[in-house]
Amino acid sequence: MRKRAVRFKKLYRIGGFSSDSGYTLLELVITLIVLAILIMGTIPLAQNAVRRQKESRLRDELRDIRNAIDDFKRDTLGACPQGSVNTSGIGGQQAGGNVPADPRSRVVIDDCTIFDTENFDRYPPSLDVLVKGVRIRERGMNMTTGSGLKEGSKQATEIDENKEVYKVYLREMPVDPMTGKSDWRLRSSYQTADAGEWDSVNVFDVRSNSDEEGLNGEQYSTW
């Protein structure tokens, strides 16, 4: 009986099932293969997660810039007739007083020197203008009748009327997350979507300067 037990114990160890013998070479190889497969499977997931974050930032930056361009355009309605350097005193009214405007626009741009003679549409001449700001005036009628109860007093509309007020449309120059630079691809209102280089007339739209393909299969420069 004792001989049978010793013989069984030897067979158990030879088969690689003994807890005293540790891991066999085959077990170590299988473990390493499984770990390698898991690591190789997680790398693409991590890379896609990083790219997805950049794409989300790109959409946010494009939306902010385009909203700023539209906001600037709304504030040009009723401003800057041909040959004028400012919008004050047009037709005896304050800037944009008799011009139908978007209700979201409460001011009108009062510095016509920033517009080139070719920029008839009055879109921003550059992205820098949106960051630096532009001089504006309040939109509406310039009511000056009646000076109040005391002689020499002024109405609220006359107070600080000579003070220059500026409006900034972008807090800072946005960075293209795909290129890491502020090298946006610009297009004027006189160019088609597939136009080559910017004609420098105005900024109607912006796109990424990266020709890489996004997760949706479209190039970032077409977003």
C-alpha atoms as a PDB file:
ATOM      1  CA  MET A   1       0.000   0.000   0.000  1.00  0.00           C
ATOM      2  CA  ARG A   2       2.836   2.322   0.856  1.00  0.00           C
ATOM      3  CA  LYS A   3       4.600   1.530  -2.447  1.00  0.00           C
ATOM      4  CA  ARG A   4       1.454   2.455  -4.401  1.00  0.00           C
ATOM      5  CA  ALA A   5       1.220   5.822  -2.616  1.00  0.00           C
ATOM      6  CA  VAL A   6       4.847   6.675  -3.413  1.00  0.00           C
ATOM      7  CA  ARG A   7       4.359   5.679  -7.036  1.00  0.00           C
ATOM      8  CA  PHE A   8       1.221   7.833  -7.379  1.00  0.00           C
ATOM      9  CA  LYS A   9       3.042  10.816  -5.850  1.00  0.00           C
ATOM     10  CA  LYS A  10       5.840  10.505  -8.432  1.00  0.00           C
ATOM     11  CA  LEU A  11       3.348  10.362 -11.309  1.00  0.00           C
ATOM     12  CA  TYR A  12       1.547  13.447  -9.901  1.00  0.00           C
ATOM     13  CA  ARG A  13       4.761  15.448  -9.898  1.00  0.00           C
ATOM     14  CA  ILE A  14       5.805  14.261 -13.381  1.00  0.00           C
ATOM     15  CA  GLY A  15       2.470  15.477 -14.794  1.00  0.00           C
ATOM     16  CA  GLY A  16       3.229  18.988 -13.562  1.00  0.00           C
ATOM     17  CA  PHE A  17       0.435  19.091 -11.001  1.00  0.00           C
ATOM     18  CA  SER A  18       2.519  19.358  -7.887  1.00  0.00           C
ATOM     19  CA  SER A  19       2.206  22.582  -5.940  1.00  0.00           C
ATOM     20  CA  ASP A  20       5.830  22.223  -4.862  1.00  0.00           C
ATOM     21  CA  SER A  21       7.201  22.406  -8.418  1.00  0.00           C
ATOM     22  CA  GLY A  22       5.960  26.041  -9.163  1.00  0.00           C
ATOM     23  CA  TYR A  23       4.895  27.196 -12.662  1.00  0.00           C
ATOM     24  CA  THR A  24       6.026  25.212 -15.640  1.00  0.00           C
ATOM     25  CA  LEU A  25       7.559  26.854 -18.724  1.00  0.00           C
ATOM     26  CA  LEU A  26       4.414  26.155 -20.719  1.00  0.00           C
ATOM     27  CA  GLU A  27       2.257  27.934 -18.150  1.00  0.00           C
ATOM     28  CA  LEU A  28       4.532  31.000 -18.198  1.00  0.00           C
ATOM     29  CA  VAL A  29       4.454  31.146 -22.006  1.00  0.00           C
ATOM     30  CA  ILE A  30       0.648  30.921 -22.066  1.00  0.00           C
ATOM     31  CA  THR A  31       0.364  33.665 -19.430  1.00  0.00           C
ATOM     32  CA  LEU A  32       2.657  35.995 -21.388  1.00  0.00           C
ATOM     33  CA  ILE A  33       0.708  35.373 -24.597  1.00  0.00           C
ATOM     34  CA  VAL A  34      -2.601  36.209 -22.886  1.00  0.00           C
ATOM     35  CA  LEU A  35      -1.143  39.399 -21.384  1.00  0.00           C
ATOM     36  CA  ALA A  36       0.260  40.461 -24.764  1.00  0.00           C
ATOM     37  CA  ILE A  37      -3.136  39.951 -26.398  1.00  0.00           C
ATOM     38  CA  LEU A  38      -4.852  42.032 -23.721  1.00  0.00           C
ATOM     39  CA  ILE A  39      -2.315  44.857 -24.031  1.00  0.00           C
ATOM     40  CA  MET A  40      -2.505  44.901 -27.827  1.00  0.00           C
ATOM     41  CA  GLY A  41      -6.286  45.089 -27.574  1.00  0.00           C
ATOM     42  CA  THR A  42      -6.304  48.044 -25.157  1.00  0.00           C
ATOM     43  CA  ILE A  43      -3.818  50.228 -27.108  1.00  0.00           C
ATOM     44  CA  PRO A  44      -6.260  51.031 -29.969  1.00  0.00           C
ATOM     45  CA  LEU A  45      -8.991  51.758 -27.439  1.00  0.00           C
ATOM     46  CA  ALA A  46      -6.750  54.223 -25.602  1.00  0.00           C
ATOM     47  CA  GLN A  47      -5.687  55.878 -28.860  1.00  0.00           C
ATOM     48  CA  ASN A  48      -9.303  56.242 -29.989  1.00  0.00           C
ATOM     49  CA  ALA A  49     -10.242  57.746 -26.634  1.00  0.00           C
ATOM     50  CA  VAL A  50      -7.538  60.425 -26.998  1.00  0.00           C
ATOM     51  CA  ARG A  51      -8.590  61.162 -30.581  1.00  0.00           C
ATOM     52  CA  ARG A  52     -12.238  61.344 -29.561  1.00  0.00           C
ATOM     53  CA  GLN A  53     -11.362  63.983 -26.959  1.00  0.00           C
ATOM     54  CA  LYS A  54      -9.495  66.031 -29.569  1.00  0.00           C
ATOM     55  CA  GLU A  55     -12.418  65.765 -31.964  1.00  0.00           C
ATOM     56  CA  SER A  56     -14.779  66.991 -29.252  1.00  0.00           C
ATOM     57  CA  ARG A  57     -12.484  69.978 -28.618  1.00  0.00           C
ATOM     58  CA  LEU A  58     -12.332  70.672 -32.360  1.00  0.00           C
ATOM     59  CA  ARG A  59     -16.119  70.789 -32.613  1.00  0.00           C
ATOM     60  CA  ASP A  60     -16.259  73.167 -29.636  1.00  0.00           C
ATOM     61  CA  GLU A  61     -13.595  75.482 -31.089  1.00  0.00           C
ATOM     62  CA  LEU A  62     -15.249  75.567 -34.520  1.00  0.00           C
ATOM     63  CA  ARG A  63     -18.619  76.331 -32.945  1.00  0.00           C
ATOM     64  CA  ASP A  64     -17.197  79.162 -30.818  1.00  0.00           C
ATOM     65  CA  ILE A  65     -15.376  80.785 -33.751  1.00  0.00           C
ATOM     66  CA  ARG A  66     -18.360  80.521 -36.081  1.00  0.00           C
ATOM     67  CA  ASN A  67     -20.674  81.956 -33.432  1.00  0.00           C
ATOM     68  CA  ALA A  68     -18.257  84.874 -32.976  1.00  0.00           C
ATOM     69  CA  ILE A  69     -18.227  85.492 -36.743  1.00  0.00           C
ATOM     70  CA  ASP A  70     -22.028  85.490 -36.856  1.00  0.00           C
ATOM     71  CA  ASP A  71     -22.189  87.806 -33.841  1.00  0.00           C
ATOM     72  CA  PHE A  72     -19.792  90.225 -35.540  1.00  0.00           C
ATOM     73  CA  LYS A  73     -21.846  90.111 -38.744  1.00  0.00           C
ATOM     74  CA  ARG A  74     -25.053  90.958 -36.867  1.00  0.00           C
ATOM     75  CA  ASP A  75     -23.393  94.008 -35.325  1.00  0.00           C
ATOM     76  CA  THR A  76     -22.480  95.359 -38.777  1.00  0.00           C
ATOM     77  CA  LEU A  77     -26.094  95.752 -39.893  1.00  0.00           C
ATOM     78  CA  GLY A  78     -26.695  99.453 -40.351  1.00  0.00           C
ATOM     79  CA  ALA A  79     -23.007 100.289 -39.999  1.00  0.00           C
ATOM     80  CA  CYS A  80     -20.329 101.631 -42.268  1.00  0.00           C
ATOM     81  CA  PRO A  81     -21.907 103.067 -45.426  1.00  0.00           C
ATOM     82  CA  GLN A  82     -19.531 103.585 -48.312  1.00  0.00           C
ATOM     83  CA  GLY A  83     -17.095 106.417 -47.661  1.00  0.00           C
ATOM     84  CA  SER A  84     -17.855 106.659 -43.929  1.00  0.00           C
ATOM     85  CA  VAL A  85     -15.299 106.238 -41.155  1.00  0.00           C
ATOM     86  CA  ASN A  86     -17.866 105.785 -38.374  1.00  0.00           C
ATOM     87  CA  THR A  87     -21.584 105.220 -37.927  1.00  0.00           C
ATOM     88  CA  SER A  88     -22.460 108.075 -35.578  1.00  0.00           C
ATOM     89  CA  GLY A  89     -24.946 110.661 -36.725  1.00  0.00           C
ATOM     90  CA  ILE A  90     -26.267 108.747 -39.713  1.00  0.00           C
ATOM     91  CA  GLY A  91     -29.543 110.345 -40.751  1.00  0.00           C
ATOM     92  CA  GLY A  92     -29.778 112.237 -37.457  1.00  0.00           C
ATOM     93  CA  GLN A  93     -29.952 108.972 -35.558  1.00  0.00           C
ATOM     94  CA  GLN A  94     -27.610 106.884 -33.547  1.00  0.00           C
ATOM     95  CA  ALA A  95     -25.857 104.005 -35.258  1.00  0.00           C
ATOM     96  CA  GLY A  96     -28.267 101.559 -36.849  1.00  0.00           C
ATOM     97  CA  GLY A  97     -31.336 103.389 -35.611  1.00  0.00           C
ATOM     98  CA  ASN A  98     -33.461 102.894 -38.725  1.00  0.00           C
ATOM     99  CA  VAL A  99     -32.037  99.584 -39.894  1.00  0.00           C
ATOM    100  CA  PRO A 100     -33.890  96.333 -39.164  1.00  0.00           C
ATOM    101  CA  ALA A 101     -31.522  94.209 -37.115  1.00  0.00           C
ATOM    102  CA  ASP A 102     -31.370  90.856 -35.423  1.00  0.00           C
ATOM    103  CA  PRO A 103     -32.888  91.210 -31.913  1.00  0.00           C
ATOM    104  CA  ARG A 104     -29.747  89.550 -30.536  1.00  0.00           C
ATOM    105  CA  SER A 105     -27.683  92.538 -31.664  1.00  0.00           C
ATOM    106  CA  ARG A 106     -27.786  95.419 -29.185  1.00  0.00           C
ATOM    107  CA  VAL A 107     -24.819  97.344 -30.575  1.00  0.00           C
ATOM    108  CA  VAL A 108     -23.462  98.364 -33.950  1.00  0.00           C
ATOM    109  CA  ILE A 109     -19.831  98.538 -35.050  1.00  0.00           C
ATOM    110  CA  ASP A 110     -18.628 102.137 -35.155  1.00  0.00           C
ATOM    111  CA  ASP A 111     -15.166 101.740 -36.687  1.00  0.00           C
ATOM    112  CA  CYS A 112     -15.401 101.495 -40.436  1.00  0.00           C
ATOM    113  CA  THR A 113     -11.649 101.763 -40.988  1.00  0.00           C
ATOM    114  CA  ILE A 114     -11.274  98.039 -40.308  1.00  0.00           C
ATOM    115  CA  PHE A 115     -13.184  97.140 -43.467  1.00  0.00           C
ATOM    116  CA  ASP A 116     -11.509  96.869 -46.835  1.00  0.00           C
ATOM    117  CA  THR A 117     -13.256  98.317 -49.889  1.00  0.00           C
ATOM    118  CA  GLU A 118     -13.655  94.764 -51.233  1.00  0.00           C
ATOM    119  CA  ASN A 119     -15.371  93.518 -48.079  1.00  0.00           C
ATOM    120  CA  PHE A 120     -18.929  94.444 -49.058  1.00  0.00           C
ATOM    121  CA  ASP A 121     -20.429  91.750 -46.822  1.00  0.00           C
ATOM    122  CA  ARG A 122     -18.790  93.239 -43.707  1.00  0.00           C
ATOM    123  CA  TYR A 123     -17.587  89.964 -42.253  1.00  0.00           C
ATOM    124  CA  PRO A 124     -14.590  90.242 -39.888  1.00  0.00           C
ATOM    125  CA  PRO A 125     -11.424  91.039 -41.869  1.00  0.00           C
ATOM    126  CA  SER A 126      -9.406  88.606 -39.726  1.00  0.00           C
ATOM    127  CA  LEU A 127      -9.601  86.438 -36.636  1.00  0.00           C
ATOM    128  CA  ASP A 128      -7.372  88.937 -34.819  1.00  0.00           C
ATOM    129  CA  VAL A 129     -10.157  91.520 -34.976  1.00  0.00           C
ATOM    130  CA  LEU A 130     -12.439  89.163 -33.053  1.00  0.00           C
ATOM    131  CA  VAL A 131      -9.821  88.824 -30.313  1.00  0.00           C
ATOM    132  CA  LYS A 132      -8.633  92.435 -30.117  1.00  0.00           C
ATOM    133  CA  GLY A 133     -12.150  93.852 -30.279  1.00  0.00           C
ATOM    134  CA  VAL A 134     -13.723  96.681 -32.254  1.00  0.00           C
ATOM    135  CA  ARG A 135     -15.283 100.018 -31.336  1.00  0.00           C
ATOM    136  CA  ILE A 136     -19.078  99.892 -31.092  1.00  0.00           C
ATOM    137  CA  ARG A 137     -22.050 102.142 -30.314  1.00  0.00           C
ATOM    138  CA  GLU A 138     -25.413 101.371 -28.828  1.00  0.00           C
ATOM    139  CA  ARG A 139     -28.043 100.502 -31.392  1.00  0.00           C
ATOM    140  CA  GLY A 140     -31.189 102.622 -31.404  1.00  0.00           C
ATOM    141  CA  MET A 141     -32.533 106.148 -31.592  1.00  0.00           C
ATOM    142  CA  ASN A 142     -30.434 109.004 -30.249  1.00  0.00           C
ATOM    143  CA  MET A 143     -33.069 110.907 -28.285  1.00  0.00           C
ATOM    144  CA  THR A 144     -31.673 114.312 -27.257  1.00  0.00           C
ATOM    145  CA  THR A 145     -34.835 116.399 -26.717  1.00  0.00           C
ATOM    146  CA  GLY A 146     -35.229 117.726 -23.214  1.00  0.00           C
ATOM    147  CA  SER A 147     -32.308 118.187 -20.907  1.00  0.00           C
ATOM    148  CA  GLY A 148     -33.962 117.278 -17.649  1.00  0.00           C
ATOM    149  CA  LEU A 149     -35.127 119.406 -14.755  1.00  0.00           C
ATOM    150  CA  LYS A 150     -31.924 121.345 -14.147  1.00  0.00           C
ATOM    151  CA  GLU A 151     -30.214 123.567 -16.633  1.00  0.00           C
ATOM    152  CA  GLY A 152     -27.122 121.947 -18.093  1.00  0.00           C
ATOM    153  CA  SER A 153     -28.072 118.465 -16.942  1.00  0.00           C
ATOM    154  CA  LYS A 154     -27.865 115.525 -19.345  1.00  0.00           C
ATOM    155  CA  GLN A 155     -30.026 112.563 -20.102  1.00  0.00           C
ATOM    156  CA  ALA A 156     -28.746 109.047 -19.578  1.00  0.00           C
ATOM    157  CA  THR A 157     -28.223 108.665 -23.338  1.00  0.00           C
ATOM    158  CA  GLU A 158     -25.863 111.666 -23.339  1.00  0.00           C
ATOM    159  CA  ILE A 159     -23.678 110.568 -20.421  1.00  0.00           C
ATOM    160  CA  ASP A 160     -20.273 109.288 -21.550  1.00  0.00           C
ATOM    161  CA  GLU A 161     -21.364 109.702 -25.154  1.00  0.00           C
ATOM    162  CA  ASN A 162     -17.786 110.493 -26.165  1.00  0.00           C
ATOM    163  CA  LYS A 163     -16.338 107.490 -24.377  1.00  0.00           C
ATOM    164  CA  GLU A 164     -15.106 104.798 -26.732  1.00  0.00           C
ATOM    165  CA  VAL A 165     -16.547 101.353 -26.053  1.00  0.00           C
ATOM    166  CA  TYR A 166     -15.058  98.168 -27.493  1.00  0.00           C
ATOM    167  CA  LYS A 167     -16.573  94.740 -27.908  1.00  0.00           C
ATOM    168  CA  VAL A 168     -14.469  91.546 -27.906  1.00  0.00           C
ATOM    169  CA  TYR A 169     -15.939  88.537 -29.699  1.00  0.00           C
ATOM    170  CA  LEU A 170     -13.313  85.940 -28.726  1.00  0.00           C
ATOM    171  CA  ARG A 171     -11.447  85.829 -25.406  1.00  0.00           C
ATOM    172  CA  GLU A 172      -8.332  84.399 -27.010  1.00  0.00           C
ATOM    173  CA  MET A 173      -7.118  82.983 -30.282  1.00  0.00           C
ATOM    174  CA  PRO A 174      -8.368  79.376 -30.459  1.00  0.00           C
ATOM    175  CA  VAL A 175      -5.893  76.566 -31.101  1.00  0.00           C
ATOM    176  CA  ASP A 176      -6.620  73.776 -33.554  1.00  0.00           C
ATOM    177  CA  PRO A 177      -6.386  70.631 -31.368  1.00  0.00           C
ATOM    178  CA  MET A 178      -5.447  68.563 -34.406  1.00  0.00           C
ATOM    179  CA  THR A 179      -2.379  70.635 -35.293  1.00  0.00           C
ATOM    180  CA  GLY A 180      -1.644  72.231 -31.932  1.00  0.00           C
ATOM    181  CA  LYS A 181      -1.436  75.662 -33.611  1.00  0.00           C
ATOM    182  CA  SER A 182      -3.708  78.583 -34.450  1.00  0.00           C
ATOM    183  CA  ASP A 183      -3.286  77.862 -38.145  1.00  0.00           C
ATOM    184  CA  TRP A 184      -6.936  77.637 -39.109  1.00  0.00           C
ATOM    185  CA  ARG A 185      -7.968  77.234 -42.726  1.00  0.00           C
ATOM    186  CA  LEU A 186      -9.935  80.382 -43.573  1.00  0.00           C
ATOM    187  CA  ARG A 187     -12.530  81.053 -46.270  1.00  0.00           C
ATOM    188  CA  SER A 188     -14.115  84.350 -47.272  1.00  0.00           C
ATOM    189  CA  SER A 189     -17.722  84.898 -48.285  1.00  0.00           C
ATOM    190  CA  TYR A 190     -16.563  85.122 -51.912  1.00  0.00           C
ATOM    191  CA  GLN A 191     -14.963  81.669 -51.963  1.00  0.00           C
ATOM    192  CA  THR A 192     -16.469  78.221 -52.389  1.00  0.00           C
ATOM    193  CA  ALA A 193     -16.005  75.444 -49.855  1.00  0.00           C
ATOM    194  CA  ASP A 194     -13.378  73.744 -52.027  1.00  0.00           C
ATOM    195  CA  ALA A 195     -11.375  76.926 -52.598  1.00  0.00           C
ATOM    196  CA  GLY A 196      -7.635  76.777 -52.162  1.00  0.00           C
ATOM    197  CA  GLU A 197      -5.872  79.589 -50.340  1.00  0.00           C
ATOM    198  CA  TRP A 198      -7.703  82.330 -48.459  1.00  0.00           C
ATOM    199  CA  ASP A 199      -8.214  85.507 -50.515  1.00  0.00           C
ATOM    200  CA  SER A 200      -7.790  87.725 -47.393  1.00  0.00           C
ATOM    201  CA  VAL A 201     -11.025  89.670 -48.075  1.00  0.00           C
ATOM    202  CA  ASN A 202     -12.893  88.569 -44.946  1.00  0.00           C
ATOM    203  CA  VAL A 203     -13.407  85.580 -42.653  1.00  0.00           C
ATOM    204  CA  PHE A 204     -16.666  83.841 -43.476  1.00  0.00           C
ATOM    205  CA  ASP A 205     -15.806  80.358 -42.217  1.00  0.00           C
ATOM    206  CA  VAL A 206     -12.982  78.447 -40.531  1.00  0.00           C
ATOM    207  CA  ARG A 207     -11.924  74.819 -40.706  1.00  0.00           C
ATOM    208  CA  SER A 208      -9.169  72.657 -39.306  1.00  0.00           C
ATOM    209  CA  ASN A 209      -5.865  72.749 -41.153  1.00  0.00           C
ATOM    210  CA  SER A 210      -5.418  68.997 -40.662  1.00  0.00           C
ATOM    211  CA  ASP A 211      -6.077  66.631 -43.569  1.00  0.00           C
ATOM    212  CA  GLU A 212      -6.185  63.603 -41.276  1.00  0.00           C
ATOM    213  CA  GLU A 213      -9.281  61.435 -41.269  1.00  0.00           C
ATOM    214  CA  GLY A 214     -11.576  61.473 -38.256  1.00  0.00           C
ATOM    215  CA  LEU A 215     -13.279  58.544 -36.581  1.00  0.00           C
ATOM    216  CA  ASN A 216     -16.360  59.263 -38.696  1.00  0.00           C
ATOM    217  CA  GLY A 217     -14.353  58.718 -41.899  1.00  0.00           C
ATOM    218  CA  GLU A 218     -14.327  62.415 -42.893  1.00  0.00           C
ATOM    219  CA  GLN A 219     -11.291  64.672 -43.053  1.00  0.00           C
ATOM    220  CA  TYR A 220     -11.056  67.264 -40.289  1.00  0.00           C
ATOM    221  CA  SER A 221     -10.598  69.974 -42.917  1.00  0.00           C
ATOM    222  CA  THR A 222     -14.171  69.349 -44.103  1.00  0.00           C
ATOM    223  CA  TRP A 223     -15.860  69.676 -40.706  1.00  0.00           C
END
